[in-house]
Amino acid sequence: EYDVVVTATFPDASSLIGVATAVKASGAFEKAIYLEE
């Protein structure tokens, strides 16, 4: 179902959500979700 899985360490929740928002807005993904550990 997913083509790529990225594991990363973010400084805070705003950074994670900001990156996810930018990635979704890029139009390069049909689906993009994030899971916080």
PDB file of all heavy atoms in Angstrom:
ATOM      1  N   GLU A   1       0.810  -1.213   0.000  1.00  0.00           N
ATOM      2  CA  GLU A   1       0.000   0.000   0.000  1.00  0.00           C
ATOM      3  C   GLU A   1       0.850   1.271   0.000  1.00  0.00           C
ATOM      4  O   GLU A   1       0.460   2.294  -0.547  1.00  0.00           O
ATOM      5  CB  GLU A   1      -0.921  -0.009   1.230  1.00  0.00           C
ATOM      6  CG  GLU A   1      -1.923   1.110   1.256  1.00  0.00           C
ATOM      7  CD  GLU A   1      -2.915   1.005   2.393  1.00  0.00           C
ATOM      8  OE1 GLU A   1      -2.946  -0.030   3.093  1.00  0.00           O
ATOM      9  OE2 GLU A   1      -3.671   1.964   2.591  1.00  0.00           O
ATOM     10  N   TYR A   2       2.012   1.214   0.628  1.00  0.00           N
ATOM     11  CA  TYR A   2       2.905   2.366   0.693  1.00  0.00           C
ATOM     12  C   TYR A   2       4.197   2.063  -0.044  1.00  0.00           C
ATOM     13  O   TYR A   2       4.712   0.957   0.011  1.00  0.00           O
ATOM     14  CB  TYR A   2       3.177   2.762   2.149  1.00  0.00           C
ATOM     15  CG  TYR A   2       1.929   3.262   2.817  1.00  0.00           C
ATOM     16  CD1 TYR A   2       1.143   2.414   3.587  1.00  0.00           C
ATOM     17  CD2 TYR A   2       1.492   4.569   2.621  1.00  0.00           C
ATOM     18  CE1 TYR A   2      -0.036   2.860   4.162  1.00  0.00           C
ATOM     19  CE2 TYR A   2       0.320   5.025   3.187  1.00  0.00           C
ATOM     20  CZ  TYR A   2      -0.443   4.171   3.957  1.00  0.00           C
ATOM     21  OH  TYR A   2      -1.604   4.616   4.511  1.00  0.00           O
ATOM     22  N   ASP A   3       4.720   3.081  -0.736  1.00  0.00           N
ATOM     23  CA  ASP A   3       5.944   2.929  -1.522  1.00  0.00           C
ATOM     24  C   ASP A   3       7.202   3.211  -0.714  1.00  0.00           C
ATOM     25  O   ASP A   3       8.272   2.699  -1.022  1.00  0.00           O
ATOM     26  CB  ASP A   3       5.913   3.888  -2.720  1.00  0.00           C
ATOM     27  CG  ASP A   3       4.734   3.634  -3.624  1.00  0.00           C
ATOM     28  OD1 ASP A   3       4.514   2.466  -3.986  1.00  0.00           O
ATOM     29  OD2 ASP A   3       4.018   4.598  -3.958  1.00  0.00           O
ATOM     30  N   VAL A   4       7.074   4.050   0.294  1.00  0.00           N
ATOM     31  CA  VAL A   4       8.250   4.472   1.055  1.00  0.00           C
ATOM     32  C   VAL A   4       7.890   4.608   2.536  1.00  0.00           C
ATOM     33  O   VAL A   4       6.794   5.037   2.887  1.00  0.00           O
ATOM     34  CB  VAL A   4       8.817   5.801   0.490  1.00  0.00           C
ATOM     35  CG1 VAL A   4       7.838   6.946   0.626  1.00  0.00           C
ATOM     36  CG2 VAL A   4      10.149   6.142   1.110  1.00  0.00           C
ATOM     37  N   VAL A   5       8.846   4.220   3.374  1.00  0.00           N
ATOM     38  CA  VAL A   5       8.715   4.355   4.822  1.00  0.00           C
ATOM     39  C   VAL A   5       9.952   5.102   5.309  1.00  0.00           C
ATOM     40  O   VAL A   5      11.079   4.667   5.065  1.00  0.00           O
ATOM     41  CB  VAL A   5       8.629   2.978   5.522  1.00  0.00           C
ATOM     42  CG1 VAL A   5       8.549   3.142   7.037  1.00  0.00           C
ATOM     43  CG2 VAL A   5       7.441   2.177   4.994  1.00  0.00           C
ATOM     44  N   VAL A   6       9.723   6.220   5.967  1.00  0.00           N
ATOM     45  CA  VAL A   6      10.814   7.038   6.497  1.00  0.00           C
ATOM     46  C   VAL A   6      10.707   7.034   8.020  1.00  0.00           C
ATOM     47  O   VAL A   6       9.631   7.286   8.563  1.00  0.00           O
ATOM     48  CB  VAL A   6      10.729   8.486   5.971  1.00  0.00           C
ATOM     49  CG1 VAL A   6      11.740   9.385   6.667  1.00  0.00           C
ATOM     50  CG2 VAL A   6      10.914   8.512   4.459  1.00  0.00           C
ATOM     51  N   THR A   7      11.815   6.754   8.680  1.00  0.00           N
ATOM     52  CA  THR A   7      11.889   6.865  10.134  1.00  0.00           C
ATOM     53  C   THR A   7      12.835   8.015  10.438  1.00  0.00           C
ATOM     54  O   THR A   7      13.939   8.080   9.882  1.00  0.00           O
ATOM     55  CB  THR A   7      12.411   5.564  10.769  1.00  0.00           C
ATOM     56  OG1 THR A   7      11.583   4.482  10.352  1.00  0.00           O
ATOM     57  CG2 THR A   7      12.388   5.642  12.282  1.00  0.00           C
ATOM     58  N   ALA A   8      12.377   8.921  11.299  1.00  0.00           N
ATOM     59  CA  ALA A   8      13.172  10.117  11.587  1.00  0.00           C
ATOM     60  C   ALA A   8      12.934  10.584  13.009  1.00  0.00           C
ATOM     61  O   ALA A   8      11.927  10.230  13.635  1.00  0.00           O
ATOM     62  CB  ALA A   8      12.809  11.230  10.604  1.00  0.00           C
ATOM     63  N   THR A   9      13.860  11.390  13.495  1.00  0.00           N
ATOM     64  CA  THR A   9      13.711  12.034  14.793  1.00  0.00           C
ATOM     65  C   THR A   9      13.488  13.525  14.550  1.00  0.00           C
ATOM     66  O   THR A   9      14.268  14.167  13.841  1.00  0.00           O
ATOM     67  CB  THR A   9      14.964  11.819  15.663  1.00  0.00           C
ATOM     68  OG1 THR A   9      15.151  10.410  15.833  1.00  0.00           O
ATOM     69  CG2 THR A   9      14.803  12.460  17.023  1.00  0.00           C
ATOM     70  N   PHE A  10      12.405  14.036  15.115  1.00  0.00           N
ATOM     71  CA  PHE A  10      12.007  15.432  14.954  1.00  0.00           C
ATOM     72  C   PHE A  10      12.200  16.170  16.278  1.00  0.00           C
ATOM     73  O   PHE A  10      12.042  15.576  17.351  1.00  0.00           O
ATOM     74  CB  PHE A  10      10.532  15.529  14.547  1.00  0.00           C
ATOM     75  CG  PHE A  10      10.265  15.023  13.157  1.00  0.00           C
ATOM     76  CD1 PHE A  10      10.088  13.672  12.917  1.00  0.00           C
ATOM     77  CD2 PHE A  10      10.208  15.895  12.084  1.00  0.00           C
ATOM     78  CE1 PHE A  10       9.855  13.193  11.639  1.00  0.00           C
ATOM     79  CE2 PHE A  10       9.976  15.434  10.804  1.00  0.00           C
ATOM     80  CZ  PHE A  10       9.795  14.080  10.578  1.00  0.00           C
ATOM     81  N   PRO A  11      12.497  17.469  16.222  1.00  0.00           N
ATOM     82  CA  PRO A  11      12.676  18.216  17.465  1.00  0.00           C
ATOM     83  C   PRO A  11      11.381  18.367  18.275  1.00  0.00           C
ATOM     84  O   PRO A  11      11.427  18.462  19.493  1.00  0.00           O
ATOM     85  CB  PRO A  11      13.200  19.577  17.021  1.00  0.00           C
ATOM     86  CG  PRO A  11      13.089  19.638  15.552  1.00  0.00           C
ATOM     87  CD  PRO A  11      12.823  18.262  15.047  1.00  0.00           C
ATOM     88  N   ASP A  12      10.244  18.365  17.576  1.00  0.00           N
ATOM     89  CA  ASP A  12       8.962  18.539  18.264  1.00  0.00           C
ATOM     90  C   ASP A  12       7.820  18.183  17.311  1.00  0.00           C
ATOM     91  O   ASP A  12       8.035  17.924  16.125  1.00  0.00           O
ATOM     92  CB  ASP A  12       8.810  19.974  18.787  1.00  0.00           C
ATOM     93  CG  ASP A  12       9.047  21.017  17.706  1.00  0.00           C
ATOM     94  OD1 ASP A  12       8.620  20.805  16.542  1.00  0.00           O
ATOM     95  OD2 ASP A  12       9.654  22.051  18.011  1.00  0.00           O
ATOM     96  N   ALA A  13       6.600  18.179  17.856  1.00  0.00           N
ATOM     97  CA  ALA A  13       5.422  17.817  17.064  1.00  0.00           C
ATOM     98  C   ALA A  13       5.163  18.800  15.926  1.00  0.00           C
ATOM     99  O   ALA A  13       4.749  18.396  14.839  1.00  0.00           O
ATOM    100  CB  ALA A  13       4.192  17.722  17.967  1.00  0.00           C
ATOM    101  N   SER A  14       5.425  20.076  16.145  1.00  0.00           N
ATOM    102  CA  SER A  14       5.202  21.067  15.090  1.00  0.00           C
ATOM    103  C   SER A  14       6.085  20.794  13.882  1.00  0.00           C
ATOM    104  O   SER A  14       5.654  20.959  12.738  1.00  0.00           O
ATOM    105  CB  SER A  14       5.469  22.475  15.612  1.00  0.00           C
ATOM    106  OG  SER A  14       4.536  22.809  16.614  1.00  0.00           O
ATOM    107  N   SER A  15       7.314  20.365  14.125  1.00  0.00           N
ATOM    108  CA  SER A  15       8.225  20.039  13.024  1.00  0.00           C
ATOM    109  C   SER A  15       7.710  18.849  12.225  1.00  0.00           C
ATOM    110  O   SER A  15       7.731  18.862  10.998  1.00  0.00           O
ATOM    111  CB  SER A  15       9.622  19.732  13.563  1.00  0.00           C
ATOM    112  OG  SER A  15      10.147  20.830  14.239  1.00  0.00           O
ATOM    113  N   LEU A  16       7.259  17.830  12.926  1.00  0.00           N
ATOM    114  CA  LEU A  16       6.709  16.640  12.263  1.00  0.00           C
ATOM    115  C   LEU A  16       5.492  17.001  11.428  1.00  0.00           C
ATOM    116  O   LEU A  16       5.397  16.661  10.250  1.00  0.00           O
ATOM    117  CB  LEU A  16       6.351  15.578  13.297  1.00  0.00           C
ATOM    118  CG  LEU A  16       5.525  14.395  12.814  1.00  0.00           C
ATOM    119  CD1 LEU A  16       6.214  13.635  11.689  1.00  0.00           C
ATOM    120  CD2 LEU A  16       5.205  13.474  13.981  1.00  0.00           C
ATOM    121  N   ILE A  17       4.560  17.711  12.022  1.00  0.00           N
ATOM    122  CA  ILE A  17       3.322  18.064  11.328  1.00  0.00           C
ATOM    123  C   ILE A  17       3.607  19.026  10.178  1.00  0.00           C
ATOM    124  O   ILE A  17       3.011  18.923   9.105  1.00  0.00           O
ATOM    125  CB  ILE A  17       2.290  18.631  12.323  1.00  0.00           C
ATOM    126  CG1 ILE A  17       1.898  17.523  13.317  1.00  0.00           C
ATOM    127  CG2 ILE A  17       1.057  19.160  11.594  1.00  0.00           C
ATOM    128  CD1 ILE A  17       1.137  18.016  14.528  1.00  0.00           C
ATOM    129  N   GLY A  18       4.544  19.948  10.361  1.00  0.00           N
ATOM    130  CA  GLY A  18       4.917  20.868   9.287  1.00  0.00           C
ATOM    131  C   GLY A  18       5.505  20.141   8.091  1.00  0.00           C
ATOM    132  O   GLY A  18       5.166  20.432   6.944  1.00  0.00           O
ATOM    133  N   VAL A  19       6.391  19.182   8.353  1.00  0.00           N
ATOM    134  CA  VAL A  19       6.972  18.385   7.264  1.00  0.00           C
ATOM    135  C   VAL A  19       5.882  17.584   6.571  1.00  0.00           C
ATOM    136  O   VAL A  19       5.804  17.552   5.338  1.00  0.00           O
ATOM    137  CB  VAL A  19       8.103  17.469   7.783  1.00  0.00           C
ATOM    138  CG1 VAL A  19       8.465  16.403   6.759  1.00  0.00           C
ATOM    139  CG2 VAL A  19       9.322  18.299   8.137  1.00  0.00           C
ATOM    140  N   ALA A  20       5.018  16.949   7.345  1.00  0.00           N
ATOM    141  CA  ALA A  20       3.930  16.156   6.747  1.00  0.00           C
ATOM    142  C   ALA A  20       3.022  17.039   5.890  1.00  0.00           C
ATOM    143  O   ALA A  20       2.598  16.642   4.802  1.00  0.00           O
ATOM    144  CB  ALA A  20       3.129  15.461   7.837  1.00  0.00           C
ATOM    145  N   THR A  21       2.746  18.236   6.349  1.00  0.00           N
ATOM    146  CA  THR A  21       1.902  19.166   5.597  1.00  0.00           C
ATOM    147  C   THR A  21       2.568  19.560   4.279  1.00  0.00           C
ATOM    148  O   THR A  21       1.928  19.562   3.220  1.00  0.00           O
ATOM    149  CB  THR A  21       1.595  20.415   6.451  1.00  0.00           C
ATOM    150  OG1 THR A  21       0.915  20.001   7.638  1.00  0.00           O
ATOM    151  CG2 THR A  21       0.743  21.410   5.695  1.00  0.00           C
ATOM    152  N   ALA A  22       3.859  19.875   4.338  1.00  0.00           N
ATOM    153  CA  ALA A  22       4.586  20.261   3.123  1.00  0.00           C
ATOM    154  C   ALA A  22       4.656  19.109   2.128  1.00  0.00           C
ATOM    155  O   ALA A  22       4.483  19.306   0.919  1.00  0.00           O
ATOM    156  CB  ALA A  22       5.999  20.729   3.485  1.00  0.00           C
ATOM    157  N   VAL A  23       4.879  17.909   2.630  1.00  0.00           N
ATOM    158  CA  VAL A  23       4.959  16.731   1.753  1.00  0.00           C
ATOM    159  C   VAL A  23       3.608  16.483   1.085  1.00  0.00           C
ATOM    160  O   VAL A  23       3.538  16.245  -0.121  1.00  0.00           O
ATOM    161  CB  VAL A  23       5.442  15.497   2.555  1.00  0.00           C
ATOM    162  CG1 VAL A  23       5.205  14.209   1.793  1.00  0.00           C
ATOM    163  CG2 VAL A  23       6.915  15.644   2.896  1.00  0.00           C
ATOM    164  N   LYS A  24       2.531  16.573   1.855  1.00  0.00           N
ATOM    165  CA  LYS A  24       1.199  16.380   1.283  1.00  0.00           C
ATOM    166  C   LYS A  24       0.885  17.459   0.248  1.00  0.00           C
ATOM    167  O   LYS A  24       0.330  17.180  -0.811  1.00  0.00           O
ATOM    168  CB  LYS A  24       0.138  16.377   2.382  1.00  0.00           C
ATOM    169  CG  LYS A  24       0.166  15.140   3.237  1.00  0.00           C
ATOM    170  CD  LYS A  24      -0.868  15.230   4.355  1.00  0.00           C
ATOM    171  CE  LYS A  24      -0.828  14.012   5.240  1.00  0.00           C
ATOM    172  NZ  LYS A  24      -1.835  14.066   6.314  1.00  0.00           N
ATOM    173  N   ALA A  25       1.262  18.699   0.554  1.00  0.00           N
ATOM    174  CA  ALA A  25       0.973  19.817  -0.345  1.00  0.00           C
ATOM    175  C   ALA A  25       1.790  19.754  -1.636  1.00  0.00           C
ATOM    176  O   ALA A  25       1.416  20.375  -2.629  1.00  0.00           O
ATOM    177  CB  ALA A  25       1.243  21.140   0.371  1.00  0.00           C
ATOM    178  N   SER A  26       2.884  18.995  -1.636  1.00  0.00           N
ATOM    179  CA  SER A  26       3.739  18.909  -2.826  1.00  0.00           C
ATOM    180  C   SER A  26       3.043  18.238  -4.001  1.00  0.00           C
ATOM    181  O   SER A  26       3.436  18.429  -5.140  1.00  0.00           O
ATOM    182  CB  SER A  26       5.018  18.127  -2.501  1.00  0.00           C
ATOM    183  OG  SER A  26       4.759  16.734  -2.415  1.00  0.00           O
ATOM    184  N   GLY A  27       2.042  17.417  -3.720  1.00  0.00           N
ATOM    185  CA  GLY A  27       1.343  16.694  -4.778  1.00  0.00           C
ATOM    186  C   GLY A  27       2.060  15.431  -5.240  1.00  0.00           C
ATOM    187  O   GLY A  27       1.597  14.766  -6.156  1.00  0.00           O
ATOM    188  N   ALA A  28       3.176  15.088  -4.607  1.00  0.00           N
ATOM    189  CA  ALA A  28       3.951  13.912  -5.014  1.00  0.00           C
ATOM    190  C   ALA A  28       3.406  12.608  -4.434  1.00  0.00           C
ATOM    191  O   ALA A  28       3.843  11.532  -4.826  1.00  0.00           O
ATOM    192  CB  ALA A  28       5.411  14.072  -4.605  1.00  0.00           C
ATOM    193  N   PHE A  29       2.446  12.719  -3.518  1.00  0.00           N
ATOM    194  CA  PHE A  29       1.930  11.525  -2.849  1.00  0.00           C
ATOM    195  C   PHE A  29       0.422  11.404  -2.972  1.00  0.00           C
ATOM    196  O   PHE A  29      -0.294  12.384  -2.801  1.00  0.00           O
ATOM    197  CB  PHE A  29       2.312  11.546  -1.358  1.00  0.00           C
ATOM    198  CG  PHE A  29       3.779  11.401  -1.140  1.00  0.00           C
ATOM    199  CD1 PHE A  29       4.597  12.512  -1.100  1.00  0.00           C
ATOM    200  CD2 PHE A  29       4.357  10.151  -1.001  1.00  0.00           C
ATOM    201  CE1 PHE A  29       5.963  12.391  -0.920  1.00  0.00           C
ATOM    202  CE2 PHE A  29       5.708  10.009  -0.818  1.00  0.00           C
ATOM    203  CZ  PHE A  29       6.522  11.124  -0.778  1.00  0.00           C
ATOM    204  N   GLU A  30      -0.026  10.184  -3.256  1.00  0.00           N
ATOM    205  CA  GLU A  30      -1.458   9.902  -3.210  1.00  0.00           C
ATOM    206  C   GLU A  30      -1.901   9.814  -1.760  1.00  0.00           C
ATOM    207  O   GLU A  30      -2.999  10.217  -1.410  1.00  0.00           O
ATOM    208  CB  GLU A  30      -1.757   8.592  -3.936  1.00  0.00           C
ATOM    209  CG  GLU A  30      -1.550   8.685  -5.435  1.00  0.00           C
ATOM    210  CD  GLU A  30      -1.805   7.379  -6.160  1.00  0.00           C
ATOM    211  OE1 GLU A  30      -2.002   6.333  -5.519  1.00  0.00           O
ATOM    212  OE2 GLU A  30      -1.792   7.415  -7.398  1.00  0.00           O
ATOM    213  N   LYS A  31      -1.018   9.244  -0.918  1.00  0.00           N
ATOM    214  CA  LYS A  31      -1.278   9.136   0.512  1.00  0.00           C
ATOM    215  C   LYS A  31       0.027   9.401   1.249  1.00  0.00           C
ATOM    216  O   LYS A  31       1.082   8.950   0.824  1.00  0.00           O
ATOM    217  CB  LYS A  31      -1.748   7.727   0.896  1.00  0.00           C
ATOM    218  CG  LYS A  31      -3.153   7.414   0.518  1.00  0.00           C
ATOM    219  CD  LYS A  31      -3.635   6.180   1.241  1.00  0.00           C
ATOM    220  CE  LYS A  31      -3.275   4.934   0.465  1.00  0.00           C
ATOM    221  NZ  LYS A  31      -3.827   3.726   1.072  1.00  0.00           N
ATOM    222  N   ALA A  32      -0.064  10.134   2.337  1.00  0.00           N
ATOM    223  CA  ALA A  32       1.091  10.355   3.202  1.00  0.00           C
ATOM    224  C   ALA A  32       0.567  10.481   4.628  1.00  0.00           C
ATOM    225  O   ALA A  32      -0.272  11.331   4.907  1.00  0.00           O
ATOM    226  CB  ALA A  32       1.850  11.604   2.793  1.00  0.00           C
ATOM    227  N   ILE A  33       1.033   9.593   5.490  1.00  0.00           N
ATOM    228  CA  ILE A  33       0.611   9.648   6.893  1.00  0.00           C
ATOM    229  C   ILE A  33       1.842   9.611   7.782  1.00  0.00           C
ATOM    230  O   ILE A  33       2.917   9.189   7.360  1.00  0.00           O
ATOM    231  CB  ILE A  33      -0.356   8.506   7.258  1.00  0.00           C
ATOM    232  CG1 ILE A  33       0.326   7.141   7.141  1.00  0.00           C
ATOM    233  CG2 ILE A  33      -1.611   8.544   6.416  1.00  0.00           C
ATOM    234  CD1 ILE A  33      -0.464   6.018   7.762  1.00  0.00           C
ATOM    235  N   TYR A  34       1.674  10.050   8.997  1.00  0.00           N
ATOM    236  CA  TYR A  34       2.766   9.985   9.954  1.00  0.00           C
ATOM    237  C   TYR A  34       2.273   9.337  11.237  1.00  0.00           C
ATOM    238  O   TYR A  34       1.123   9.487  11.631  1.00  0.00           O
ATOM    239  CB  TYR A  34       3.376  11.362  10.226  1.00  0.00           C
ATOM    240  CG  TYR A  34       2.396  12.384  10.749  1.00  0.00           C
ATOM    241  CD1 TYR A  34       2.203  12.543  12.108  1.00  0.00           C
ATOM    242  CD2 TYR A  34       1.668  13.188   9.882  1.00  0.00           C
ATOM    243  CE1 TYR A  34       1.307  13.480  12.588  1.00  0.00           C
ATOM    244  CE2 TYR A  34       0.778  14.125  10.345  1.00  0.00           C
ATOM    245  CZ  TYR A  34       0.605  14.269  11.708  1.00  0.00           C
ATOM    246  OH  TYR A  34      -0.284  15.193  12.188  1.00  0.00           O
ATOM    247  N   LEU A  35       3.159   8.583  11.829  1.00  0.00           N
ATOM    248  CA  LEU A  35       2.886   7.892  13.081  1.00  0.00           C
ATOM    249  C   LEU A  35       3.934   8.342  14.091  1.00  0.00           C
ATOM    250  O   LEU A  35       5.130   8.199  13.853  1.00  0.00           O
ATOM    251  CB  LEU A  35       2.982   6.376  12.889  1.00  0.00           C
ATOM    252  CG  LEU A  35       2.128   5.784  11.760  1.00  0.00           C
ATOM    253  CD1 LEU A  35       2.517   4.346  11.504  1.00  0.00           C
ATOM    254  CD2 LEU A  35       0.660   5.896  12.107  1.00  0.00           C
ATOM    255  N   GLU A  36       3.476   8.898  15.179  1.00  0.00           N
ATOM    256  CA  GLU A  36       4.387   9.378  16.214  1.00  0.00           C
ATOM    257  C   GLU A  36       4.652   8.256  17.212  1.00  0.00           C
ATOM    258  O   GLU A  36       3.721   7.604  17.691  1.00  0.00           O
ATOM    259  CB  GLU A  36       3.732  10.560  16.921  1.00  0.00           C
ATOM    260  CG  GLU A  36       4.550  11.166  18.010  1.00  0.00           C
ATOM    261  CD  GLU A  36       3.810  12.295  18.701  1.00  0.00           C
ATOM    262  OE1 GLU A  36       2.900  12.896  18.106  1.00  0.00           O
ATOM    263  OE2 GLU A  36       4.168  12.573  19.853  1.00  0.00           O
ATOM    264  N   GLU A  37       5.927   8.006  17.484  1.00  0.00           N
ATOM    265  CA  GLU A  37       6.286   6.990  18.478  1.00  0.00           C
ATOM    266  C   GLU A  37       5.872   7.477  19.858  1.00  0.00           C
ATOM    267  O   GLU A  37       6.077   8.644  20.199  1.00  0.00           O
ATOM    268  CB  GLU A  37       7.796   6.749  18.435  1.00  0.00           C
ATOM    269  CG  GLU A  37       8.245   5.647  19.357  1.00  0.00           C
ATOM    270  CD  GLU A  37       9.734   5.414  19.256  1.00  0.00           C
ATOM    271  OE1 GLU A  37      10.152   4.693  18.336  1.00  0.00           O
ATOM    272  OE2 GLU A  37      10.471   5.983  20.093  1.00  0.00           O
TER     273      GLU A  37
END
